[in-house]
C-alpha atoms as a PDB file:
ATOM      1  CA  MET A   1     -43.846 -17.207   3.235  1.00  0.00           C
ATOM      2  CA  LYS A   2     -40.516 -15.376   3.033  1.00  0.00           C
ATOM      3  CA  SER A   3     -39.039 -13.937   6.179  1.00  0.00           C
ATOM      4  CA  THR A   4     -36.686 -10.980   5.868  1.00  0.00           C
ATOM      5  CA  HIS A   5     -35.024  -9.039   8.594  1.00  0.00           C
ATOM      6  CA  ASP A   6     -34.194  -5.480   7.730  1.00  0.00           C
ATOM      7  CA  PHE A   7     -32.027  -4.480  10.634  1.00  0.00           C
ATOM      8  CA  PRO A   8     -30.765  -0.926  10.411  1.00  0.00           C
ATOM      9  CA  ASN A   9     -27.040  -0.631   9.821  1.00  0.00           C
ATOM     10  CA  LEU A  10     -25.860   1.066  13.003  1.00  0.00           C
ATOM     11  CA  ASN A  11     -22.356   1.589  11.702  1.00  0.00           C
ATOM     12  CA  PRO A  12     -22.603   2.734   8.102  1.00  0.00           C
ATOM     13  CA  LYS A  13     -19.090   3.243   6.809  1.00  0.00           C
ATOM     14  CA  ASN A  14     -17.811   3.684   3.312  1.00  0.00           C
ATOM     15  CA  PRO A  15     -14.876   1.412   2.496  1.00  0.00           C
ATOM     16  CA  ASP A  16     -11.512   3.118   3.119  1.00  0.00           C
ATOM     17  CA  GLY A  17     -10.434   2.202  -0.392  1.00  0.00           C
ATOM     18  CA  LEU A  18     -12.814   4.648  -2.063  1.00  0.00           C
ATOM     19  CA  LYS A  19     -11.954   8.234  -2.916  1.00  0.00           C
ATOM     20  CA  PRO A  20     -14.547  10.939  -2.128  1.00  0.00           C
ATOM     21  CA  SER A  21     -15.555  10.608  -5.807  1.00  0.00           C
ATOM     22  CA  GLY A  22     -16.502   6.977  -5.172  1.00  0.00           C
ATOM     23  CA  LYS A  23     -13.705   5.617  -7.367  1.00  0.00           C
ATOM     24  CA  PRO A  24     -11.244   3.240  -5.704  1.00  0.00           C
ATOM     25  CA  TYR A  25      -7.713   4.258  -4.787  1.00  0.00           C
ATOM     26  CA  GLN A  26      -5.321   2.273  -6.976  1.00  0.00           C
ATOM     27  CA  LEU A  27      -2.393   0.515  -5.345  1.00  0.00           C
ATOM     28  CA  ILE A  28       0.682  -1.561  -6.110  1.00  0.00           C
ATOM     29  CA  VAL A  29       1.889  -4.167  -3.585  1.00  0.00           C
ATOM     30  CA  VAL A  30       5.609  -5.052  -3.575  1.00  0.00           C
ATOM     31  CA  GLU A  31       6.504  -7.957  -1.287  1.00  0.00           C
ATOM     32  CA  ASP A  32       8.907 -10.835  -1.911  1.00  0.00           C
ATOM     33  CA  LYS A  33       7.140 -13.331   0.366  1.00  0.00           C
ATOM     34  CA  GLU A  34       4.128 -14.763  -1.453  1.00  0.00           C
ATOM     35  CA  PHE A  35       2.080 -15.287   1.740  1.00  0.00           C
ATOM     36  CA  HIS A  36       2.516 -11.640   2.810  1.00  0.00           C
ATOM     37  CA  ARG A  37       1.853 -10.398  -0.720  1.00  0.00           C
ATOM     38  CA  LYS A  38      -1.453 -12.311  -0.901  1.00  0.00           C
ATOM     39  CA  GLN A  39      -2.350 -11.253   2.640  1.00  0.00           C
ATOM     40  CA  LEU A  40      -1.856  -7.553   1.836  1.00  0.00           C
ATOM     41  CA  VAL A  41      -3.812  -7.809  -1.421  1.00  0.00           C
ATOM     42  CA  GLN A  42      -6.690  -9.526   0.405  1.00  0.00           C
ATOM     43  CA  ILE A  43      -6.723  -6.949   3.235  1.00  0.00           C
ATOM     44  CA  LEU A  44      -6.662  -4.000   0.832  1.00  0.00           C
ATOM     45  CA  GLU A  45      -9.253  -5.424  -1.559  1.00  0.00           C
ATOM     46  CA  SER A  46     -11.577  -6.065   1.404  1.00  0.00           C
ATOM     47  CA  GLU A  47     -11.732  -2.279   1.888  1.00  0.00           C
ATOM     48  CA  GLY A  48     -12.390  -1.511  -1.778  1.00  0.00           C
ATOM     49  CA  TYR A  49      -8.845  -0.627  -2.864  1.00  0.00           C
ATOM     50  CA  LYS A  50      -8.049  -1.622  -6.450  1.00  0.00           C
ATOM     51  CA  ILE A  51      -4.786  -3.558  -6.703  1.00  0.00           C
ATOM     52  CA  LEU A  52      -3.178  -2.773 -10.057  1.00  0.00           C
ATOM     53  CA  GLY A  53      -0.342  -5.216  -9.499  1.00  0.00           C
ATOM     54  CA  ALA A  54       1.460  -7.325  -6.892  1.00  0.00           C
ATOM     55  CA  PHE A  55       5.189  -7.826  -7.408  1.00  0.00           C
ATOM     56  CA  GLN A  56       8.037  -9.826  -5.846  1.00  0.00           C
ATOM     57  CA  ASN A  57      10.674  -7.091  -6.019  1.00  0.00           C
ATOM     58  CA  GLY A  58      11.278  -3.436  -6.761  1.00  0.00           C
ATOM     59  CA  LYS A  59      12.558  -4.067 -10.281  1.00  0.00           C
ATOM     60  CA  GLU A  60       9.266  -5.655 -11.429  1.00  0.00           C
ATOM     61  CA  ALA A  61       7.247  -2.928  -9.692  1.00  0.00           C
ATOM     62  CA  LEU A  62       9.393  -0.152 -11.182  1.00  0.00           C
ATOM     63  CA  ALA A  63       8.828  -1.452 -14.723  1.00  0.00           C
ATOM     64  CA  PHE A  64       5.064  -1.521 -14.069  1.00  0.00           C
ATOM     65  CA  TYR A  65       5.086   1.909 -12.387  1.00  0.00           C
ATOM     66  CA  ASP A  66       6.921   3.488 -15.335  1.00  0.00           C
ATOM     67  CA  LYS A  67       4.045   2.488 -17.635  1.00  0.00           C
ATOM     68  CA  ASN A  68       1.208   3.278 -15.185  1.00  0.00           C
ATOM     69  CA  LYS A  69       2.492   6.104 -12.942  1.00  0.00           C
ATOM     70  CA  ASN A  70      -0.528   8.333 -13.518  1.00  0.00           C
ATOM     71  CA  ASP A  71      -2.899   5.610 -12.290  1.00  0.00           C
ATOM     72  CA  VAL A  72      -1.095   4.687  -9.056  1.00  0.00           C
ATOM     73  CA  ASP A  73      -2.163   6.393  -5.810  1.00  0.00           C
ATOM     74  CA  LEU A  74      -0.080   4.364  -3.359  1.00  0.00           C
ATOM     75  CA  ILE A  75       2.605   1.675  -3.273  1.00  0.00           C
ATOM     76  CA  THR A  76       3.291  -0.651  -0.355  1.00  0.00           C
ATOM     77  CA  THR A  77       6.738  -2.219  -0.304  1.00  0.00           C
ATOM     78  CA  ASN A  78       8.932  -4.416   1.814  1.00  0.00           C
ATOM     79  CA  LEU A  79      12.448  -3.213   2.636  1.00  0.00           C
ATOM     80  CA  ASP A  80      14.475  -6.435   2.269  1.00  0.00           C
ATOM     81  CA  MET A  81      13.830  -8.092  -1.095  1.00  0.00           C
ATOM     82  CA  PRO A  82      15.987  -9.817  -3.715  1.00  0.00           C
ATOM     83  CA  VAL A  83      16.854  -8.216  -7.091  1.00  0.00           C
ATOM     84  CA  MET A  84      15.933  -4.655  -5.987  1.00  0.00           C
ATOM     85  CA  ASP A  85      15.239  -3.903  -2.335  1.00  0.00           C
ATOM     86  CA  GLY A  86      12.842  -1.280  -1.018  1.00  0.00           C
ATOM     87  CA  TYR A  87      15.594   1.266  -0.409  1.00  0.00           C
ATOM     88  CA  SER A  88      16.794   1.117  -4.042  1.00  0.00           C
ATOM     89  CA  PHE A  89      13.176   1.048  -5.226  1.00  0.00           C
ATOM     90  CA  LEU A  90      12.396   4.276  -3.335  1.00  0.00           C
ATOM     91  CA  PHE A  91      15.598   5.875  -4.643  1.00  0.00           C
ATOM     92  CA  GLU A  92      14.700   4.981  -8.258  1.00  0.00           C
ATOM     93  CA  LEU A  93      11.140   6.266  -7.794  1.00  0.00           C
ATOM     94  CA  SER A  94      12.381   9.521  -6.251  1.00  0.00           C
ATOM     95  CA  GLN A  95      14.426  10.144  -9.426  1.00  0.00           C
ATOM     96  CA  LYS A  96      11.220   9.922 -11.498  1.00  0.00           C
ATOM     97  CA  ASP A  97       9.030  12.558  -9.831  1.00  0.00           C
ATOM     98  CA  LEU A  98       7.116  10.126  -7.611  1.00  0.00           C
ATOM     99  CA  LYS A  99       3.424  11.038  -7.569  1.00  0.00           C
ATOM    100  CA  ALA A 100       2.202   8.001  -5.629  1.00  0.00           C
ATOM    101  CA  LYS A 101       2.553   7.679  -1.857  1.00  0.00           C
ATOM    102  CA  LEU A 102       4.970   4.951  -0.745  1.00  0.00           C
ATOM    103  CA  VAL A 103       4.413   3.009   2.479  1.00  0.00           C
ATOM    104  CA  PHE A 104       6.942   0.484   3.756  1.00  0.00           C
ATOM    105  CA  ILE A 105       5.550  -2.635   5.439  1.00  0.00           C
ATOM    106  CA  SER A 106       8.616  -4.410   6.726  1.00  0.00           C
ATOM    107  CA  GLU A 107      10.477  -6.073   9.555  1.00  0.00           C
ATOM    108  CA  GLU A 108      12.062  -3.935  12.216  1.00  0.00           C
ATOM    109  CA  THR A 109      15.048  -1.923  11.121  1.00  0.00           C
ATOM    110  CA  THR A 110      17.147   0.813  12.684  1.00  0.00           C
ATOM    111  CA  LYS A 111      15.710   4.209  13.498  1.00  0.00           C
ATOM    112  CA  GLY A 112      18.273   5.748  11.125  1.00  0.00           C
ATOM    113  CA  VAL A 113      17.055   3.675   8.174  1.00  0.00           C
ATOM    114  CA  VAL A 114      13.416   4.591   8.867  1.00  0.00           C
ATOM    115  CA  GLN A 115      14.370   8.291   9.117  1.00  0.00           C
ATOM    116  CA  ASP A 116      16.323   8.056   5.832  1.00  0.00           C
ATOM    117  CA  LEU A 117      13.343   6.443   4.083  1.00  0.00           C
ATOM    118  CA  LEU A 118      10.985   9.152   5.350  1.00  0.00           C
ATOM    119  CA  LYS A 119      13.440  11.909   4.282  1.00  0.00           C
ATOM    120  CA  MET A 120      13.664  10.288   0.841  1.00  0.00           C
ATOM    121  CA  GLY A 121       9.879  10.563   0.467  1.00  0.00           C
ATOM    122  CA  ALA A 122       8.307   7.486   2.045  1.00  0.00           C
ATOM    123  CA  ALA A 123       4.896   8.317   3.523  1.00  0.00           C
ATOM    124  CA  ASP A 124       5.088   5.800   6.390  1.00  0.00           C
ATOM    125  CA  PHE A 125       6.804   2.704   7.788  1.00  0.00           C
ATOM    126  CA  ILE A 126       4.587  -0.054   9.232  1.00  0.00           C
ATOM    127  CA  LEU A 127       6.210  -2.838  11.225  1.00  0.00           C
ATOM    128  CA  LYS A 128       5.417  -6.468  10.510  1.00  0.00           C
ATOM    129  CA  PRO A 129       3.703  -8.685  11.529  1.00  0.00           C
ATOM    130  CA  ILE A 130       0.944  -7.549   9.177  1.00  0.00           C
ATOM    131  CA  GLN A 131      -2.114  -6.530  11.176  1.00  0.00           C
ATOM    132  CA  ARG A 132      -5.229  -5.703   9.190  1.00  0.00           C
ATOM    133  CA  GLY A 133      -6.389  -2.767  11.320  1.00  0.00           C
ATOM    134  CA  ARG A 134      -2.997  -1.103  11.525  1.00  0.00           C
ATOM    135  CA  VAL A 135      -2.285  -1.492   7.790  1.00  0.00           C
ATOM    136  CA  LEU A 136      -5.672  -0.058   6.796  1.00  0.00           C
ATOM    137  CA  GLU A 137      -5.467   2.833   9.258  1.00  0.00           C
ATOM    138  CA  ARG A 138      -1.951   3.903   8.243  1.00  0.00           C
ATOM    139  CA  ILE A 139      -2.621   3.575   4.507  1.00  0.00           C
ATOM    140  CA  LYS A 140      -5.773   5.669   4.873  1.00  0.00           C
ATOM    141  CA  LEU A 141      -3.759   8.343   6.741  1.00  0.00           C
ATOM    142  CA  ALA A 142      -0.988   8.283   4.118  1.00  0.00           C
ATOM    143  CA  LEU A 143      -3.508   8.820   1.320  1.00  0.00           C
ATOM    144  CA  GLN A 144      -5.142  11.722   3.184  1.00  0.00           C
ATOM    145  CA  ARG A 145      -1.819  13.579   3.622  1.00  0.00           C
ATOM    146  CA  LYS A 146      -1.016  16.206   1.029  1.00  0.00           C
END
Protein backbone atom coordinates (compact mmCIF):
# COMPACT_ATOMS: atom_id res chain seq x y z
CA MET A 1 0.00 0.00 0.00
CA LYS A 2 1.45 3.33 -1.13
CA SER A 3 1.05 6.34 1.10
CA THR A 4 1.09 9.78 -0.50
CA HIS A 5 0.61 13.10 1.14
CA ASP A 6 -0.78 15.78 -1.09
CA PHE A 7 -0.33 18.85 1.04
CA PRO A 8 -1.51 22.02 -0.63
CA ASN A 9 1.26 24.43 -1.55
CA LEU A 10 0.47 27.43 0.63
CA ASN A 11 3.08 29.60 -1.01
CA PRO A 12 2.91 29.01 -4.75
CA LYS A 13 5.54 31.18 -6.38
CA ASN A 14 6.94 31.13 -9.86
CA PRO A 15 10.74 31.18 -9.93
CA ASP A 16 12.13 34.73 -10.26
CA GLY A 17 14.22 33.61 -13.20
CA LEU A 18 11.24 33.19 -15.52
CA LYS A 19 9.86 35.91 -17.76
CA PRO A 20 6.06 36.36 -17.90
CA SER A 21 6.23 34.24 -21.08
CA GLY A 22 7.62 31.36 -19.02
CA LYS A 23 11.03 31.48 -20.71
CA PRO A 24 14.04 32.00 -18.43
CA TYR A 25 15.91 35.29 -18.23
CA GLN A 26 19.40 34.73 -19.64
CA LEU A 27 22.38 35.96 -17.67
CA ILE A 28 26.16 36.26 -17.78
CA VAL A 29 28.17 36.10 -14.53
CA VAL A 30 31.55 37.90 -14.44
CA GLU A 31 33.56 37.25 -11.28
CA ASP A 32 37.29 36.62 -10.90
CA LYS A 33 37.02 34.54 -7.72
CA GLU A 34 35.97 31.00 -8.62
CA PHE A 35 34.09 30.40 -5.34
CA HIS A 36 31.96 33.55 -5.80
CA ARG A 37 31.40 32.78 -9.48
CA LYS A 38 30.10 29.27 -8.68
CA GLN A 39 28.05 30.62 -5.77
CA LEU A 40 26.31 33.20 -7.98
CA VAL A 41 25.64 30.66 -10.73
CA GLN A 42 24.13 28.25 -8.19
CA ILE A 43 21.95 30.95 -6.58
CA LEU A 44 20.67 32.20 -9.94
CA GLU A 45 20.05 28.75 -11.40
CA SER A 46 18.08 27.81 -8.27
CA GLU A 47 15.53 30.47 -9.28
CA GLY A 48 15.30 29.34 -12.90
CA TYR A 49 17.67 31.86 -14.49
CA LYS A 50 19.61 30.47 -17.46
CA ILE A 51 23.34 31.16 -17.17
CA LEU A 52 24.76 31.60 -20.67
CA GLY A 53 28.31 31.94 -19.41
CA ALA A 54 30.46 32.54 -16.32
CA PHE A 55 33.71 34.43 -16.86
CA GLN A 56 36.80 35.42 -14.85
CA ASN A 57 37.15 38.93 -16.25
CA GLY A 58 35.51 41.58 -18.40
CA LYS A 59 37.59 40.78 -21.48
CA GLU A 60 36.29 37.18 -21.68
CA ALA A 61 32.72 38.34 -21.00
CA LEU A 62 32.95 41.12 -23.60
CA ALA A 63 34.03 38.67 -26.31
CA PHE A 64 31.07 36.41 -25.42
CA TYR A 65 28.64 39.35 -25.20
CA ASP A 66 29.66 40.62 -28.65
CA LYS A 67 28.55 37.30 -30.18
CA ASN A 68 25.41 36.84 -28.03
CA LYS A 69 24.19 40.37 -27.16
CA ASN A 70 20.64 39.75 -28.34
CA ASP A 71 20.26 36.78 -25.99
CA VAL A 72 21.55 38.40 -22.79
CA ASP A 73 19.03 39.98 -20.39
CA LEU A 74 21.37 40.76 -17.50
CA ILE A 75 25.06 40.68 -16.56
CA THR A 76 26.42 40.51 -13.03
CA THR A 77 30.00 41.67 -12.61
CA ASN A 78 32.60 42.30 -9.97
CA LEU A 79 34.37 45.67 -9.93
CA ASP A 80 37.97 44.64 -9.16
CA MET A 81 39.18 41.95 -11.56
CA PRO A 82 42.41 41.27 -13.45
CA VAL A 83 42.77 41.78 -17.24
CA MET A 84 39.65 44.00 -17.54
CA ASP A 85 37.92 45.31 -14.42
CA GLY A 86 34.22 46.01 -14.06
CA TYR A 87 34.62 49.73 -14.68
CA SER A 88 36.36 49.17 -18.05
CA PHE A 89 33.89 46.40 -18.86
CA LEU A 90 30.92 48.75 -18.31
CA PHE A 91 32.64 51.46 -20.36
CA GLU A 92 33.24 49.05 -23.27
CA LEU A 93 29.64 47.79 -23.10
CA SER A 94 28.27 51.35 -23.03
CA GLN A 95 30.08 52.02 -26.33
CA LYS A 96 28.19 49.10 -27.92
CA ASP A 97 24.57 50.06 -27.26
CA LEU A 98 24.16 47.91 -24.14
CA LYS A 99 20.78 46.17 -24.20
CA ALA A 100 21.33 43.96 -21.15
CA LYS A 101 21.03 45.24 -17.58
CA LEU A 102 24.33 45.30 -15.67
CA VAL A 103 24.45 44.70 -11.92
CA PHE A 104 27.67 45.03 -9.94
CA ILE A 105 28.20 42.57 -7.09
CA SER A 106 31.36 43.76 -5.43
CA GLU A 107 33.24 44.78 -2.32
CA GLU A 108 32.59 48.16 -0.82
CA THR A 109 33.84 51.10 -2.81
CA THR A 110 33.44 54.86 -2.58
CA LYS A 111 30.09 56.53 -3.05
CA GLY A 112 31.57 58.44 -6.01
CA VAL A 113 32.52 55.23 -7.83
CA VAL A 114 29.04 53.75 -7.29
CA GLN A 115 27.44 56.99 -8.57
CA ASP A 116 29.74 56.97 -11.63
CA LEU A 117 28.81 53.35 -12.40
CA LEU A 118 25.09 54.12 -12.12
CA LYS A 119 25.48 57.23 -14.35
CA MET A 120 27.34 55.10 -16.90
CA GLY A 121 24.37 52.72 -17.08
CA ALA A 122 24.75 50.13 -14.33
CA ALA A 123 21.34 49.01 -13.05
CA ASP A 124 22.46 48.37 -9.45
CA PHE A 125 25.39 47.83 -7.09
CA ILE A 126 25.11 45.00 -4.54
CA LEU A 127 27.66 44.81 -1.74
CA LYS A 128 29.43 41.57 -0.93
CA PRO A 129 29.29 39.29 0.98
CA ILE A 130 26.96 37.49 -1.43
CA GLN A 131 23.60 36.90 0.23
CA ARG A 132 21.12 34.79 -1.70
CA GLY A 133 18.00 36.77 -0.80
CA ARG A 134 19.52 40.17 -1.49
CA VAL A 135 21.05 39.10 -4.82
CA LEU A 136 17.79 37.56 -6.05
CA GLU A 137 15.67 40.51 -4.93
CA ARG A 138 17.89 43.17 -6.52
CA ILE A 139 18.34 41.24 -9.78
CA LYS A 140 14.57 40.77 -10.04
CA LEU A 141 14.08 44.54 -9.50
CA ALA A 142 16.76 45.39 -12.08
CA LEU A 143 15.07 43.19 -14.68
CA GLN A 144 11.67 44.76 -13.98
CA ARG A 145 12.96 48.32 -14.53
CA LYS A 146 12.48 49.76 -17.99
